[in-house]
Amino acid sequence: MATHNAIAAIGQAVLGLLASACPRSEFAGAQFELYQAQNFETHMDEGISLYMHRVTPANNIRNLPPRVVADGRRYRPSLPLDIHYLLIAWARDAVKQHRLLGWAMRELENTPILHSALLNQYGPEPDTFAPNETVDLIMETIAIQDMGAIWEVHRHHFQPSIPYTARMVRIDSDIELTDAGLVQTRAFGMGKAIER
């Protein structure tokens, strides 16, 4: 499954997917960037930013069994995560901003499953995801209070945005589980007097 680079690879893959599909005749100056909190102070003029606002344990599965590779070796269980983003549209006028947001949402809905080839193409390492691995990208609904809390930090730059979640991202461990030898004898110390 995925290495520790998975979180970075997913954000870059989402933006890479949008950048490659962007209709440049309509959005000629559009940029596609990962954002941190500091980027909201000097934001882009036109484009889409992806802001990761939290990472949570995957809700649908928490305790995975040890990972077993093809040769039978066992490793500590994978870490299942959900990664939560805000997809934010930027433009100098509201109509263009709304059109850009609508286009980006439709494009992501066209590709709701991010396959390993796409994830590895834009990620920091070419083999971050295994060939048979995918990540689901779904539009999320979050409470208005939570959305307000996210934007409170950036209240001077509030923008139309939509929450998305990358679901069931499994980050693998490199720690191999080794089996001890079979127990041959057992020695019990019960009933023995302790010398002082």
C-alpha atoms as a PDB file:
ATOM      1  CA  MET A   1       0.000   0.000   0.000  1.00  0.00           C
ATOM      2  CA  ALA A   2       1.073   3.638   0.426  1.00  0.00           C
ATOM      3  CA  THR A   3       4.241   5.047   1.952  1.00  0.00           C
ATOM      4  CA  HIS A   4       4.364   8.057   4.262  1.00  0.00           C
ATOM      5  CA  ASN A   5       4.403  10.272   1.132  1.00  0.00           C
ATOM      6  CA  ALA A   6       0.720   9.461   0.490  1.00  0.00           C
ATOM      7  CA  ILE A   7      -0.685  12.615   2.084  1.00  0.00           C
ATOM      8  CA  ALA A   8       1.472  14.873  -0.093  1.00  0.00           C
ATOM      9  CA  ALA A   9       0.814  12.767  -3.202  1.00  0.00           C
ATOM     10  CA  ILE A  10      -2.978  13.003  -2.926  1.00  0.00           C
ATOM     11  CA  GLY A  11      -3.087  16.798  -2.787  1.00  0.00           C
ATOM     12  CA  GLN A  12      -0.671  17.092  -5.688  1.00  0.00           C
ATOM     13  CA  ALA A  13      -2.641  14.527  -7.722  1.00  0.00           C
ATOM     14  CA  VAL A  14      -5.929  16.413  -7.246  1.00  0.00           C
ATOM     15  CA  LEU A  15      -4.319  19.652  -8.420  1.00  0.00           C
ATOM     16  CA  GLY A  16      -2.491  17.889 -11.260  1.00  0.00           C
ATOM     17  CA  LEU A  17      -5.746  16.368 -12.460  1.00  0.00           C
ATOM     18  CA  LEU A  18      -7.431  19.781 -12.482  1.00  0.00           C
ATOM     19  CA  ALA A  19      -4.491  21.566 -14.110  1.00  0.00           C
ATOM     20  CA  SER A  20      -4.303  19.040 -16.957  1.00  0.00           C
ATOM     21  CA  ALA A  21      -8.062  19.252 -17.616  1.00  0.00           C
ATOM     22  CA  CYS A  22      -8.380  23.039 -17.278  1.00  0.00           C
ATOM     23  CA  PRO A  23     -10.092  24.712 -20.272  1.00  0.00           C
ATOM     24  CA  ARG A  24      -7.456  27.382 -20.856  1.00  0.00           C
ATOM     25  CA  SER A  25      -9.703  29.210 -23.338  1.00  0.00           C
ATOM     26  CA  GLU A  26     -11.986  30.036 -20.404  1.00  0.00           C
ATOM     27  CA  PHE A  27      -9.507  30.169 -17.504  1.00  0.00           C
ATOM     28  CA  ALA A  28      -6.280  31.263 -19.186  1.00  0.00           C
ATOM     29  CA  GLY A  29      -4.512  32.469 -16.038  1.00  0.00           C
ATOM     30  CA  ALA A  30      -5.681  29.755 -13.660  1.00  0.00           C
ATOM     31  CA  GLN A  31      -3.147  28.450 -11.156  1.00  0.00           C
ATOM     32  CA  PHE A  32      -3.471  25.253  -9.102  1.00  0.00           C
ATOM     33  CA  GLU A  33      -1.720  25.246  -5.730  1.00  0.00           C
ATOM     34  CA  LEU A  34      -1.641  23.576  -2.343  1.00  0.00           C
ATOM     35  CA  TYR A  35      -2.302  26.176   0.343  1.00  0.00           C
ATOM     36  CA  GLN A  36      -1.196  26.617   3.932  1.00  0.00           C
ATOM     37  CA  ALA A  37      -2.668  29.215   6.270  1.00  0.00           C
ATOM     38  CA  GLN A  38      -0.015  31.798   5.324  1.00  0.00           C
ATOM     39  CA  ASN A  39      -0.989  31.622   1.631  1.00  0.00           C
ATOM     40  CA  PHE A  40      -4.334  33.284   2.344  1.00  0.00           C
ATOM     41  CA  GLU A  41      -2.556  36.571   3.047  1.00  0.00           C
ATOM     42  CA  THR A  42      -1.098  36.765  -0.485  1.00  0.00           C
ATOM     43  CA  HIS A  43      -3.475  34.559  -2.454  1.00  0.00           C
ATOM     44  CA  MET A  44      -3.523  33.956  -6.188  1.00  0.00           C
ATOM     45  CA  ASP A  45      -5.569  36.140  -8.549  1.00  0.00           C
ATOM     46  CA  GLU A  46      -7.205  33.252 -10.408  1.00  0.00           C
ATOM     47  CA  GLY A  47      -7.266  29.523  -9.920  1.00  0.00           C
ATOM     48  CA  ILE A  48      -7.949  26.708  -7.501  1.00  0.00           C
ATOM     49  CA  SER A  49      -6.250  26.129  -4.174  1.00  0.00           C
ATOM     50  CA  LEU A  50      -6.462  22.994  -2.078  1.00  0.00           C
ATOM     51  CA  TYR A  51      -6.252  23.564   1.671  1.00  0.00           C
ATOM     52  CA  MET A  52      -5.844  20.533   3.955  1.00  0.00           C
ATOM     53  CA  HIS A  53      -7.639  21.488   7.159  1.00  0.00           C
ATOM     54  CA  ARG A  54      -7.513  18.167   9.048  1.00  0.00           C
ATOM     55  CA  VAL A  55      -6.580  14.494   9.011  1.00  0.00           C
ATOM     56  CA  THR A  56      -8.690  11.979  10.932  1.00  0.00           C
ATOM     57  CA  PRO A  57      -8.658   8.228  11.520  1.00  0.00           C
ATOM     58  CA  ALA A  58     -10.751   6.468   8.857  1.00  0.00           C
ATOM     59  CA  ASN A  59     -14.257   6.085  10.292  1.00  0.00           C
ATOM     60  CA  ASN A  60     -15.208   2.864   8.562  1.00  0.00           C
ATOM     61  CA  ILE A  61     -12.206   0.805   9.683  1.00  0.00           C
ATOM     62  CA  ARG A  62      -9.880   1.392  12.595  1.00  0.00           C
ATOM     63  CA  ASN A  63      -8.168  -1.887  13.500  1.00  0.00           C
ATOM     64  CA  LEU A  64      -6.566  -3.468  10.477  1.00  0.00           C
ATOM     65  CA  PRO A  65      -4.828  -6.846  10.638  1.00  0.00           C
ATOM     66  CA  PRO A  66      -1.076  -7.065  10.047  1.00  0.00           C
ATOM     67  CA  ARG A  67      -0.087  -6.457   6.432  1.00  0.00           C
ATOM     68  CA  VAL A  68       1.161  -9.586   4.666  1.00  0.00           C
ATOM     69  CA  VAL A  69       3.326  -9.213   1.533  1.00  0.00           C
ATOM     70  CA  ALA A  70       3.626 -11.705  -1.334  1.00  0.00           C
ATOM     71  CA  ASP A  71       6.525 -13.629   0.204  1.00  0.00           C
ATOM     72  CA  GLY A  72       4.609 -14.161   3.466  1.00  0.00           C
ATOM     73  CA  ARG A  73       6.391 -11.584   5.613  1.00  0.00           C
ATOM     74  CA  ARG A  74       4.121  -9.714   8.006  1.00  0.00           C
ATOM     75  CA  TYR A  75       4.287  -6.020   8.906  1.00  0.00           C
ATOM     76  CA  ARG A  76       2.594  -3.846  11.496  1.00  0.00           C
ATOM     77  CA  PRO A  77      -0.961  -2.849  10.418  1.00  0.00           C
ATOM     78  CA  SER A  78      -1.431   0.035   8.013  1.00  0.00           C
ATOM     79  CA  LEU A  79      -2.599   3.385   9.366  1.00  0.00           C
ATOM     80  CA  PRO A  80      -6.052   4.160   7.817  1.00  0.00           C
ATOM     81  CA  LEU A  81      -6.710   7.893   7.426  1.00  0.00           C
ATOM     82  CA  ASP A  82      -9.260  10.277   5.957  1.00  0.00           C
ATOM     83  CA  ILE A  83      -7.787  13.544   4.660  1.00  0.00           C
ATOM     84  CA  HIS A  84     -10.057  16.599   4.637  1.00  0.00           C
ATOM     85  CA  TYR A  85      -9.594  19.458   2.170  1.00  0.00           C
ATOM     86  CA  LEU A  86     -11.232  22.681   1.141  1.00  0.00           C
ATOM     87  CA  LEU A  87     -11.284  23.255  -2.606  1.00  0.00           C
ATOM     88  CA  ILE A  88     -11.237  27.037  -3.015  1.00  0.00           C
ATOM     89  CA  ALA A  89     -11.859  29.066  -6.172  1.00  0.00           C
ATOM     90  CA  TRP A  90     -10.132  32.414  -6.707  1.00  0.00           C
ATOM     91  CA  ALA A  91     -10.886  35.064  -9.351  1.00  0.00           C
ATOM     92  CA  ARG A  92     -11.045  38.825  -9.610  1.00  0.00           C
ATOM     93  CA  ASP A  93     -14.811  38.839 -10.212  1.00  0.00           C
ATOM     94  CA  ALA A  94     -17.548  36.735  -8.623  1.00  0.00           C
ATOM     95  CA  VAL A  95     -18.992  35.315 -11.846  1.00  0.00           C
ATOM     96  CA  LYS A  96     -15.655  33.917 -12.975  1.00  0.00           C
ATOM     97  CA  GLN A  97     -14.981  32.616  -9.494  1.00  0.00           C
ATOM     98  CA  HIS A  98     -18.298  30.767  -9.466  1.00  0.00           C
ATOM     99  CA  ARG A  99     -17.705  29.350 -12.948  1.00  0.00           C
ATOM    100  CA  LEU A 100     -14.254  28.151 -11.908  1.00  0.00           C
ATOM    101  CA  LEU A 101     -15.637  26.468  -8.782  1.00  0.00           C
ATOM    102  CA  GLY A 102     -18.434  24.792 -10.762  1.00  0.00           C
ATOM    103  CA  TRP A 103     -15.997  23.509 -13.376  1.00  0.00           C
ATOM    104  CA  ALA A 104     -13.572  22.147 -10.743  1.00  0.00           C
ATOM    105  CA  MET A 105     -16.335  20.367  -8.823  1.00  0.00           C
ATOM    106  CA  ARG A 106     -17.666  18.772 -12.010  1.00  0.00           C
ATOM    107  CA  GLU A 107     -14.171  17.659 -13.022  1.00  0.00           C
ATOM    108  CA  LEU A 108     -13.520  16.012  -9.648  1.00  0.00           C
ATOM    109  CA  GLU A 109     -16.901  14.289  -9.805  1.00  0.00           C
ATOM    110  CA  ASN A 110     -15.869  12.884 -13.206  1.00  0.00           C
ATOM    111  CA  THR A 111     -12.889  11.200 -11.516  1.00  0.00           C
ATOM    112  CA  PRO A 112     -14.018  10.235  -7.993  1.00  0.00           C
ATOM    113  CA  ILE A 113     -11.517   7.381  -7.723  1.00  0.00           C
ATOM    114  CA  LEU A 114      -7.856   8.355  -7.910  1.00  0.00           C
ATOM    115  CA  HIS A 115      -5.878   5.364  -9.186  1.00  0.00           C
ATOM    116  CA  SER A 116      -2.249   4.676  -8.357  1.00  0.00           C
ATOM    117  CA  ALA A 117      -0.908   5.798 -11.746  1.00  0.00           C
ATOM    118  CA  LEU A 118      -2.418   9.259 -11.232  1.00  0.00           C
ATOM    119  CA  LEU A 119      -1.357   9.430  -7.577  1.00  0.00           C
ATOM    120  CA  ASN A 120       2.214   8.394  -8.387  1.00  0.00           C
ATOM    121  CA  GLN A 121       2.443  10.705 -11.414  1.00  0.00           C
ATOM    122  CA  TYR A 122       2.089  13.897  -9.391  1.00  0.00           C
ATOM    123  CA  GLY A 123       3.413  12.711  -6.023  1.00  0.00           C
ATOM    124  CA  PRO A 124       6.832  13.310  -4.500  1.00  0.00           C
ATOM    125  CA  GLU A 125       7.975   9.712  -5.139  1.00  0.00           C
ATOM    126  CA  PRO A 126       7.069   7.536  -8.148  1.00  0.00           C
ATOM    127  CA  ASP A 127       6.222   4.442  -6.066  1.00  0.00           C
ATOM    128  CA  THR A 128       4.227   6.002  -3.244  1.00  0.00           C
ATOM    129  CA  PHE A 129       1.150   3.875  -4.027  1.00  0.00           C
ATOM    130  CA  ALA A 130       1.047   0.195  -4.994  1.00  0.00           C
ATOM    131  CA  PRO A 131      -0.263  -0.611  -8.518  1.00  0.00           C
ATOM    132  CA  ASN A 132      -3.616  -1.904  -7.236  1.00  0.00           C
ATOM    133  CA  GLU A 133      -4.230   0.924  -4.762  1.00  0.00           C
ATOM    134  CA  THR A 134      -6.837   3.679  -5.136  1.00  0.00           C
ATOM    135  CA  VAL A 135      -8.163   6.579  -3.078  1.00  0.00           C
ATOM    136  CA  ASP A 136     -11.809   7.715  -3.067  1.00  0.00           C
ATOM    137  CA  LEU A 137     -12.346  11.463  -3.301  1.00  0.00           C
ATOM    138  CA  ILE A 138     -15.815  12.493  -2.141  1.00  0.00           C
ATOM    139  CA  MET A 139     -17.584  15.770  -1.614  1.00  0.00           C
ATOM    140  CA  GLU A 140     -18.129  16.182   2.101  1.00  0.00           C
ATOM    141  CA  THR A 141     -20.812  17.943   4.111  1.00  0.00           C
ATOM    142  CA  ILE A 142     -19.559  19.693   7.210  1.00  0.00           C
ATOM    143  CA  ALA A 143     -21.493  21.710   9.778  1.00  0.00           C
ATOM    144  CA  ILE A 144     -21.733  25.445   9.206  1.00  0.00           C
ATOM    145  CA  GLN A 145     -20.074  26.003  12.611  1.00  0.00           C
ATOM    146  CA  ASP A 146     -17.069  23.921  11.521  1.00  0.00           C
ATOM    147  CA  MET A 147     -16.837  25.787   8.222  1.00  0.00           C
ATOM    148  CA  GLY A 148     -17.024  29.064  10.136  1.00  0.00           C
ATOM    149  CA  ALA A 149     -14.246  27.948  12.464  1.00  0.00           C
ATOM    150  CA  ILE A 150     -12.009  27.086   9.489  1.00  0.00           C
ATOM    151  CA  TRP A 151     -12.603  30.449   7.849  1.00  0.00           C
ATOM    152  CA  GLU A 152     -12.370  32.421  11.118  1.00  0.00           C
ATOM    153  CA  VAL A 153      -8.585  32.309  10.784  1.00  0.00           C
ATOM    154  CA  HIS A 154      -8.856  33.786   7.290  1.00  0.00           C
ATOM    155  CA  ARG A 155     -11.929  35.982   7.798  1.00  0.00           C
ATOM    156  CA  HIS A 156     -10.560  38.782   5.616  1.00  0.00           C
ATOM    157  CA  HIS A 157     -10.223  36.386   2.686  1.00  0.00           C
ATOM    158  CA  PHE A 158     -13.394  34.286   2.841  1.00  0.00           C
ATOM    159  CA  GLN A 159     -13.932  32.571  -0.497  1.00  0.00           C
ATOM    160  CA  PRO A 160     -16.442  30.166  -2.030  1.00  0.00           C
ATOM    161  CA  SER A 161     -15.183  26.698  -1.154  1.00  0.00           C
ATOM    162  CA  ILE A 162     -16.322  23.112  -1.047  1.00  0.00           C
ATOM    163  CA  PRO A 163     -15.097  20.399   1.342  1.00  0.00           C
ATOM    164  CA  TYR A 164     -13.700  17.129  -0.022  1.00  0.00           C
ATOM    165  CA  THR A 165     -12.410  14.025   1.730  1.00  0.00           C
ATOM    166  CA  ALA A 166      -9.819  11.557   0.468  1.00  0.00           C
ATOM    167  CA  ARG A 167     -11.065   8.362   2.103  1.00  0.00           C
ATOM    168  CA  MET A 168      -9.304   5.254   3.344  1.00  0.00           C
ATOM    169  CA  VAL A 169      -5.728   6.292   2.743  1.00  0.00           C
ATOM    170  CA  ARG A 170      -3.597   3.486   4.171  1.00  0.00           C
ATOM    171  CA  ILE A 171      -0.074   4.372   5.204  1.00  0.00           C
ATOM    172  CA  ASP A 172       2.034   1.256   5.599  1.00  0.00           C
ATOM    173  CA  SER A 173       4.600   0.455   8.253  1.00  0.00           C
ATOM    174  CA  ASP A 174       8.141  -0.731   7.521  1.00  0.00           C
ATOM    175  CA  ILE A 175       8.339  -2.616  10.827  1.00  0.00           C
ATOM    176  CA  GLU A 176       8.298  -6.344  10.217  1.00  0.00           C
ATOM    177  CA  LEU A 177       6.562  -8.609  12.712  1.00  0.00           C
ATOM    178  CA  THR A 178       8.729 -11.567  13.632  1.00  0.00           C
ATOM    179  CA  ASP A 179       7.428 -14.689  15.279  1.00  0.00           C
ATOM    180  CA  ALA A 180       9.249 -16.090  18.278  1.00  0.00           C
ATOM    181  CA  GLY A 181       9.996 -19.808  18.420  1.00  0.00           C
ATOM    182  CA  LEU A 182       7.449 -22.226  19.814  1.00  0.00           C
ATOM    183  CA  VAL A 183       7.305 -22.562  23.593  1.00  0.00           C
ATOM    184  CA  GLN A 184       9.103 -25.763  24.615  1.00  0.00           C
ATOM    185  CA  THR A 185       8.650 -25.718  28.390  1.00  0.00           C
ATOM    186  CA  ARG A 186       6.926 -23.517  30.873  1.00  0.00           C
ATOM    187  CA  ALA A 187       8.222 -22.801  34.350  1.00  0.00           C
ATOM    188  CA  PHE A 188       5.823 -21.591  36.987  1.00  0.00           C
ATOM    189  CA  GLY A 189       7.075 -19.958  40.135  1.00  0.00           C
ATOM    190  CA  MET A 190       3.811 -20.199  42.027  1.00  0.00           C
ATOM    191  CA  GLY A 191       3.931 -21.770  45.448  1.00  0.00           C
ATOM    192  CA  LYS A 192       7.663 -21.256  45.961  1.00  0.00           C
ATOM    193  CA  ALA A 193       8.867 -19.483  49.033  1.00  0.00           C
ATOM    194  CA  ILE A 194      10.820 -16.333  48.441  1.00  0.00           C
ATOM    195  CA  GLU A 195      14.115 -16.212  50.285  1.00  0.00           C
ATOM    196  CA  ARG A 196      14.993 -12.971  52.002  1.00  0.00           C
END
